[in-house]
């Protein structure tokens, strides 16, 4: 069994300035699961900056979708 290190999508929690990742919340292959994980992370850490990314492309940002 091998442990995966790279996934299609990732959910991260950022510092207040949005410059540094505080916590890599999840790495996910399935887009719908990634969206649900993003929404759950936003509820878990209200007011914090959470992103859902595919590589360097930001798909969701809690500051822009009304979660922060």
PDB file of N, CA and C in Angstrom:
ATOM      1  N   UNK A   1       0.848  -1.186   0.000  1.00  0.00           N
ATOM      2  CA  UNK A   1       0.000   0.000   0.000  1.00  0.00           C
ATOM      3  C   UNK A   1       0.882   1.234   0.000  1.00  0.00           C
ATOM      4  N   UNK A   2       0.530   2.193  -0.863  1.00  0.00           N
ATOM      5  CA  UNK A   2       1.280   3.448  -0.917  1.00  0.00           C
ATOM      6  C   UNK A   2       0.406   4.587  -0.404  1.00  0.00           C
ATOM      7  N   UNK A   3       1.035   5.549   0.202  1.00  0.00           N
ATOM      8  CA  UNK A   3       0.335   6.733   0.703  1.00  0.00           C
ATOM      9  C   UNK A   3       0.420   7.822  -0.351  1.00  0.00           C
ATOM     10  N   UNK A   4      -0.717   8.382  -0.688  1.00  0.00           N
ATOM     11  CA  UNK A   4      -0.759   9.451  -1.689  1.00  0.00           C
ATOM     12  C   UNK A   4      -0.305  10.766  -1.076  1.00  0.00           C
ATOM     13  N   UNK A   5       0.406  11.538  -1.858  1.00  0.00           N
ATOM     14  CA  UNK A   5       0.854  12.848  -1.408  1.00  0.00           C
ATOM     15  C   UNK A   5       0.254  13.982  -2.250  1.00  0.00           C
ATOM     16  N   UNK A   6      -0.255  13.644  -3.431  1.00  0.00           N
ATOM     17  CA  UNK A   6      -0.789  14.670  -4.325  1.00  0.00           C
ATOM     18  C   UNK A   6      -2.228  14.319  -4.707  1.00  0.00           C
ATOM     19  N   UNK A   7      -3.093  15.323  -4.616  1.00  0.00           N
ATOM     20  CA  UNK A   7      -4.506  15.155  -4.930  1.00  0.00           C
ATOM     21  C   UNK A   7      -4.934  16.258  -5.887  1.00  0.00           C
ATOM     22  N   UNK A   8      -6.049  16.069  -6.556  1.00  0.00           N
ATOM     23  CA  UNK A   8      -6.548  17.070  -7.508  1.00  0.00           C
ATOM     24  C   UNK A   8      -6.970  18.360  -6.815  1.00  0.00           C
ATOM     25  N   UNK A   9      -7.564  18.240  -5.629  1.00  0.00           N
ATOM     26  CA  UNK A   9      -8.086  19.401  -4.909  1.00  0.00           C
ATOM     27  C   UNK A   9      -7.509  19.436  -3.499  1.00  0.00           C
ATOM     28  N   UNK A  10      -7.384  20.650  -2.970  1.00  0.00           N
ATOM     29  CA  UNK A  10      -6.932  20.790  -1.585  1.00  0.00           C
ATOM     30  C   UNK A  10      -7.702  21.911  -0.898  1.00  0.00           C
ATOM     31  N   UNK A  11      -7.934  21.713   0.387  1.00  0.00           N
ATOM     32  CA  UNK A  11      -8.595  22.717   1.222  1.00  0.00           C
ATOM     33  C   UNK A  11      -7.561  23.163   2.248  1.00  0.00           C
ATOM     34  N   UNK A  12      -7.349  24.481   2.326  1.00  0.00           N
ATOM     35  CA  UNK A  12      -6.353  25.044   3.235  1.00  0.00           C
ATOM     36  C   UNK A  12      -6.961  26.145   4.088  1.00  0.00           C
ATOM     37  N   UNK A  13      -6.389  26.299   5.275  1.00  0.00           N
ATOM     38  CA  UNK A  13      -6.747  27.391   6.189  1.00  0.00           C
ATOM     39  C   UNK A  13      -5.545  28.318   6.235  1.00  0.00           C
ATOM     40  N   UNK A  14      -5.791  29.635   6.071  1.00  0.00           N
ATOM     41  CA  UNK A  14      -4.727  30.633   5.939  1.00  0.00           C
ATOM     42  C   UNK A  14      -4.648  31.549   7.147  1.00  0.00           C
ATOM     43  N   UNK A  15      -3.494  32.230   7.291  1.00  0.00           N
ATOM     44  CA  UNK A  15      -3.360  33.233   8.348  1.00  0.00           C
ATOM     45  C   UNK A  15      -4.260  34.430   8.020  1.00  0.00           C
ATOM     46  N   UNK A  16      -4.347  35.388   8.938  1.00  0.00           N
ATOM     47  CA  UNK A  16      -5.289  36.504   8.780  1.00  0.00           C
ATOM     48  C   UNK A  16      -4.991  37.378   7.567  1.00  0.00           C
ATOM     49  N   UNK A  17      -3.742  37.471   7.173  1.00  0.00           N
ATOM     50  CA  UNK A  17      -3.388  38.269   5.999  1.00  0.00           C
ATOM     51  C   UNK A  17      -3.584  37.495   4.700  1.00  0.00           C
ATOM     52  N   UNK A  18      -3.750  36.191   4.808  1.00  0.00           N
ATOM     53  CA  UNK A  18      -3.898  35.356   3.625  1.00  0.00           C
ATOM     54  C   UNK A  18      -2.587  35.089   2.917  1.00  0.00           C
ATOM     55  N   UNK A  19      -1.476  35.235   3.650  1.00  0.00           N
ATOM     56  CA  UNK A  19      -0.153  35.049   3.057  1.00  0.00           C
ATOM     57  C   UNK A  19       0.421  33.654   3.278  1.00  0.00           C
ATOM     58  N   UNK A  20       0.075  33.024   4.391  1.00  0.00           N
ATOM     59  CA  UNK A  20       0.680  31.746   4.760  1.00  0.00           C
ATOM     60  C   UNK A  20      -0.389  30.716   5.128  1.00  0.00           C
ATOM     61  N   UNK A  21      -0.170  29.500   4.696  1.00  0.00           N
ATOM     62  CA  UNK A  21      -1.077  28.416   5.048  1.00  0.00           C
ATOM     63  C   UNK A  21      -0.813  28.004   6.488  1.00  0.00           C
ATOM     64  N   UNK A  22      -1.854  28.041   7.311  1.00  0.00           N
ATOM     65  CA  UNK A  22      -1.755  27.589   8.698  1.00  0.00           C
ATOM     66  C   UNK A  22      -1.953  26.086   8.798  1.00  0.00           C
ATOM     67  N   UNK A  23      -2.874  25.568   7.975  1.00  0.00           N
ATOM     68  CA  UNK A  23      -3.260  24.172   8.097  1.00  0.00           C
ATOM     69  C   UNK A  23      -3.717  23.654   6.741  1.00  0.00           C
ATOM     70  N   UNK A  24      -3.136  22.544   6.320  1.00  0.00           N
ATOM     71  CA  UNK A  24      -3.630  21.847   5.135  1.00  0.00           C
ATOM     72  C   UNK A  24      -4.727  20.931   5.639  1.00  0.00           C
ATOM     73  N   UNK A  25      -5.973  21.309   5.411  1.00  0.00           N
ATOM     74  CA  UNK A  25      -7.128  20.602   5.969  1.00  0.00           C
ATOM     75  C   UNK A  25      -7.346  19.263   5.283  1.00  0.00           C
ATOM     76  N   UNK A  26      -7.280  19.247   3.935  1.00  0.00           N
ATOM     77  CA  UNK A  26      -7.565  17.994   3.225  1.00  0.00           C
ATOM     78  C   UNK A  26      -7.032  18.022   1.806  1.00  0.00           C
ATOM     79  N   UNK A  27      -6.710  16.844   1.313  1.00  0.00           N
ATOM     80  CA  UNK A  27      -6.409  16.607  -0.089  1.00  0.00           C
ATOM     81  C   UNK A  27      -7.463  15.636  -0.599  1.00  0.00           C
ATOM     82  N   UNK A  28      -8.107  15.981  -1.722  1.00  0.00           N
ATOM     83  CA  UNK A  28      -9.271  15.228  -2.182  1.00  0.00           C
ATOM     84  C   UNK A  28      -9.224  15.059  -3.692  1.00  0.00           C
ATOM     85  N   UNK A  29      -9.688  13.928  -4.189  1.00  0.00           N
ATOM     86  CA  UNK A  29      -9.777  13.680  -5.626  1.00  0.00           C
ATOM     87  C   UNK A  29     -11.122  14.096  -6.206  1.00  0.00           C
ATOM     88  N   UNK A  30     -12.204  13.848  -5.510  1.00  0.00           N
ATOM     89  CA  UNK A  30     -13.555  14.081  -6.019  1.00  0.00           C
ATOM     90  C   UNK A  30     -13.982  15.527  -5.783  1.00  0.00           C
ATOM     91  N   UNK A  31     -14.469  16.201  -6.840  1.00  0.00           N
ATOM     92  CA  UNK A  31     -14.828  17.614  -6.728  1.00  0.00           C
ATOM     93  C   UNK A  31     -15.978  17.855  -5.749  1.00  0.00           C
ATOM     94  N   UNK A  32     -17.016  17.033  -5.788  1.00  0.00           N
ATOM     95  CA  UNK A  32     -18.152  17.243  -4.883  1.00  0.00           C
ATOM     96  C   UNK A  32     -17.745  17.046  -3.422  1.00  0.00           C
ATOM     97  N   UNK A  33     -16.897  16.086  -3.171  1.00  0.00           N
ATOM     98  CA  UNK A  33     -16.400  15.880  -1.808  1.00  0.00           C
ATOM     99  C   UNK A  33     -15.531  17.069  -1.401  1.00  0.00           C
ATOM    100  N   UNK A  34     -14.752  17.590  -2.338  1.00  0.00           N
ATOM    101  CA  UNK A  34     -13.912  18.756  -2.056  1.00  0.00           C
ATOM    102  C   UNK A  34     -14.764  19.974  -1.696  1.00  0.00           C
ATOM    103  N   UNK A  35     -15.857  20.196  -2.438  1.00  0.00           N
ATOM    104  CA  UNK A  35     -16.753  21.313  -2.125  1.00  0.00           C
ATOM    105  C   UNK A  35     -17.383  21.144  -0.750  1.00  0.00           C
ATOM    106  N   UNK A  36     -17.826  19.942  -0.436  1.00  0.00           N
ATOM    107  CA  UNK A  36     -18.433  19.683   0.876  1.00  0.00           C
ATOM    108  C   UNK A  36     -17.410  19.879   1.993  1.00  0.00           C
ATOM    109  N   UNK A  37     -16.185  19.482   1.742  1.00  0.00           N
ATOM    110  CA  UNK A  37     -15.117  19.659   2.736  1.00  0.00           C
ATOM    111  C   UNK A  37     -14.840  21.138   2.952  1.00  0.00           C
ATOM    112  N   UNK A  38     -14.815  21.914   1.868  1.00  0.00           N
ATOM    113  CA  UNK A  38     -14.613  23.360   1.965  1.00  0.00           C
ATOM    114  C   UNK A  38     -15.713  24.001   2.812  1.00  0.00           C
ATOM    115  N   UNK A  39     -16.968  23.673   2.509  1.00  0.00           N
ATOM    116  CA  UNK A  39     -18.092  24.241   3.254  1.00  0.00           C
ATOM    117  C   UNK A  39     -18.054  23.852   4.724  1.00  0.00           C
ATOM    118  N   UNK A  40     -17.697  22.617   4.999  1.00  0.00           N
ATOM    119  CA  UNK A  40     -17.590  22.156   6.390  1.00  0.00           C
ATOM    120  C   UNK A  40     -16.457  22.873   7.113  1.00  0.00           C
ATOM    121  N   UNK A  41     -15.324  23.071   6.444  1.00  0.00           N
ATOM    122  CA  UNK A  41     -14.192  23.787   7.048  1.00  0.00           C
ATOM    123  C   UNK A  41     -14.581  25.231   7.362  1.00  0.00           C
ATOM    124  N   UNK A  42     -15.353  25.862   6.480  1.00  0.00           N
ATOM    125  CA  UNK A  42     -15.804  27.241   6.712  1.00  0.00           C
ATOM    126  C   UNK A  42     -16.707  27.322   7.941  1.00  0.00           C
ATOM    127  N   UNK A  43     -17.532  26.310   8.135  1.00  0.00           N
ATOM    128  CA  UNK A  43     -18.397  26.268   9.325  1.00  0.00           C
ATOM    129  C   UNK A  43     -17.597  25.945  10.580  1.00  0.00           C
ATOM    130  N   UNK A  44     -16.585  25.107  10.432  1.00  0.00           N
ATOM    131  CA  UNK A  44     -15.740  24.702  11.568  1.00  0.00           C
ATOM    132  C   UNK A  44     -14.890  25.869  12.070  1.00  0.00           C
ATOM    133  N   UNK A  45     -14.388  26.696  11.142  1.00  0.00           N
ATOM    134  CA  UNK A  45     -13.546  27.840  11.480  1.00  0.00           C
ATOM    135  C   UNK A  45     -14.176  29.115  10.929  1.00  0.00           C
ATOM    136  N   UNK A  46     -15.299  29.567  11.501  1.00  0.00           N
ATOM    137  CA  UNK A  46     -15.967  30.768  10.973  1.00  0.00           C
ATOM    138  C   UNK A  46     -15.063  31.993  11.091  1.00  0.00           C
ATOM    139  N   UNK A  47     -15.118  32.839  10.080  1.00  0.00           N
ATOM    140  CA  UNK A  47     -14.325  34.067  10.094  1.00  0.00           C
ATOM    141  C   UNK A  47     -12.885  33.887   9.646  1.00  0.00           C
ATOM    142  N   UNK A  48     -12.460  32.651   9.410  1.00  0.00           N
ATOM    143  CA  UNK A  48     -11.089  32.409   8.957  1.00  0.00           C
ATOM    144  C   UNK A  48     -11.065  32.263   7.438  1.00  0.00           C
ATOM    145  N   UNK A  49      -9.900  32.475   6.861  1.00  0.00           N
ATOM    146  CA  UNK A  49      -9.754  32.339   5.422  1.00  0.00           C
ATOM    147  C   UNK A  49      -9.512  30.878   5.074  1.00  0.00           C
ATOM    148  N   UNK A  50     -10.432  30.326   4.282  1.00  0.00           N
ATOM    149  CA  UNK A  50     -10.355  28.937   3.826  1.00  0.00           C
ATOM    150  C   UNK A  50     -10.413  28.970   2.302  1.00  0.00           C
ATOM    151  N   UNK A  51      -9.574  28.173   1.655  1.00  0.00           N
ATOM    152  CA  UNK A  51      -9.639  28.087   0.200  1.00  0.00           C
ATOM    153  C   UNK A  51      -9.788  26.644  -0.247  1.00  0.00           C
ATOM    154  N   UNK A  52     -10.434  26.507  -1.389  1.00  0.00           N
ATOM    155  CA  UNK A  52     -10.490  25.245  -2.123  1.00  0.00           C
ATOM    156  C   UNK A  52      -9.738  25.518  -3.415  1.00  0.00           C
ATOM    157  N   UNK A  53      -8.682  24.739  -3.654  1.00  0.00           N
ATOM    158  CA  UNK A  53      -7.859  24.971  -4.833  1.00  0.00           C
ATOM    159  C   UNK A  53      -7.689  23.690  -5.644  1.00  0.00           C
ATOM    160  N   UNK A  54      -7.469  23.899  -6.918  1.00  0.00           N
ATOM    161  CA  UNK A  54      -7.059  22.836  -7.818  1.00  0.00           C
ATOM    162  C   UNK A  54      -5.728  23.299  -8.381  1.00  0.00           C
ATOM    163  N   UNK A  55      -4.651  22.734  -7.838  1.00  0.00           N
ATOM    164  CA  UNK A  55      -3.324  23.255  -8.161  1.00  0.00           C
ATOM    165  C   UNK A  55      -3.210  24.668  -7.619  1.00  0.00           C
ATOM    166  N   UNK A  56      -2.799  25.605  -8.463  1.00  0.00           N
ATOM    167  CA  UNK A  56      -2.697  27.000  -8.017  1.00  0.00           C
ATOM    168  C   UNK A  56      -4.003  27.766  -8.245  1.00  0.00           C
ATOM    169  N   UNK A  57      -4.954  27.163  -8.931  1.00  0.00           N
ATOM    170  CA  UNK A  57      -6.244  27.805  -9.233  1.00  0.00           C
ATOM    171  C   UNK A  57      -7.164  27.776  -8.018  1.00  0.00           C
ATOM    172  N   UNK A  58      -7.597  28.947  -7.579  1.00  0.00           N
ATOM    173  CA  UNK A  58      -8.527  29.048  -6.450  1.00  0.00           C
ATOM    174  C   UNK A  58      -9.947  28.882  -6.987  1.00  0.00           C
ATOM    175  N   UNK A  59     -10.632  27.860  -6.491  1.00  0.00           N
ATOM    176  CA  UNK A  59     -12.007  27.592  -6.902  1.00  0.00           C
ATOM    177  C   UNK A  59     -12.984  28.290  -5.965  1.00  0.00           C
ATOM    178  N   UNK A  60     -12.734  28.205  -4.666  1.00  0.00           N
ATOM    179  CA  UNK A  60     -13.569  28.859  -3.656  1.00  0.00           C
ATOM    180  C   UNK A  60     -12.663  29.548  -2.647  1.00  0.00           C
ATOM    181  N   UNK A  61     -13.108  30.695  -2.179  1.00  0.00           N
ATOM    182  CA  UNK A  61     -12.377  31.459  -1.160  1.00  0.00           C
ATOM    183  C   UNK A  61     -13.414  31.975  -0.175  1.00  0.00           C
ATOM    184  N   UNK A  62     -13.265  31.635   1.097  1.00  0.00           N
ATOM    185  CA  UNK A  62     -14.270  32.008   2.109  1.00  0.00           C
ATOM    186  C   UNK A  62     -14.462  33.520   2.190  1.00  0.00           C
ATOM    187  N   UNK A  63     -13.461  34.292   1.829  1.00  0.00           N
ATOM    188  CA  UNK A  63     -13.589  35.751   1.864  1.00  0.00           C
ATOM    189  C   UNK A  63     -14.505  36.256   0.761  1.00  0.00           C
ATOM    190  N   UNK A  64     -14.687  35.473  -0.290  1.00  0.00           N
ATOM    191  CA  UNK A  64     -15.464  35.926  -1.441  1.00  0.00           C
ATOM    192  C   UNK A  64     -16.837  35.278  -1.555  1.00  0.00           C
ATOM    193  N   UNK A  65     -17.105  34.247  -0.748  1.00  0.00           N
ATOM    194  CA  UNK A  65     -18.396  33.580  -0.851  1.00  0.00           C
ATOM    195  C   UNK A  65     -19.266  33.787   0.373  1.00  0.00           C
ATOM    196  N   UNK A  66     -18.860  34.694   1.245  1.00  0.00           N
ATOM    197  CA  UNK A  66     -19.692  35.029   2.388  1.00  0.00           C
ATOM    198  C   UNK A  66     -19.542  34.121   3.598  1.00  0.00           C
ATOM    199  N   UNK A  67     -18.507  33.287   3.639  1.00  0.00           N
ATOM    200  CA  UNK A  67     -18.290  32.440   4.797  1.00  0.00           C
ATOM    201  C   UNK A  67     -17.435  33.124   5.850  1.00  0.00           C
ATOM    202  N   UNK A  68     -16.584  34.073   5.456  1.00  0.00           N
ATOM    203  CA  UNK A  68     -15.674  34.711   6.406  1.00  0.00           C
ATOM    204  C   UNK A  68     -16.352  35.860   7.114  1.00  0.00           C
TER     205      UNK A  68
END
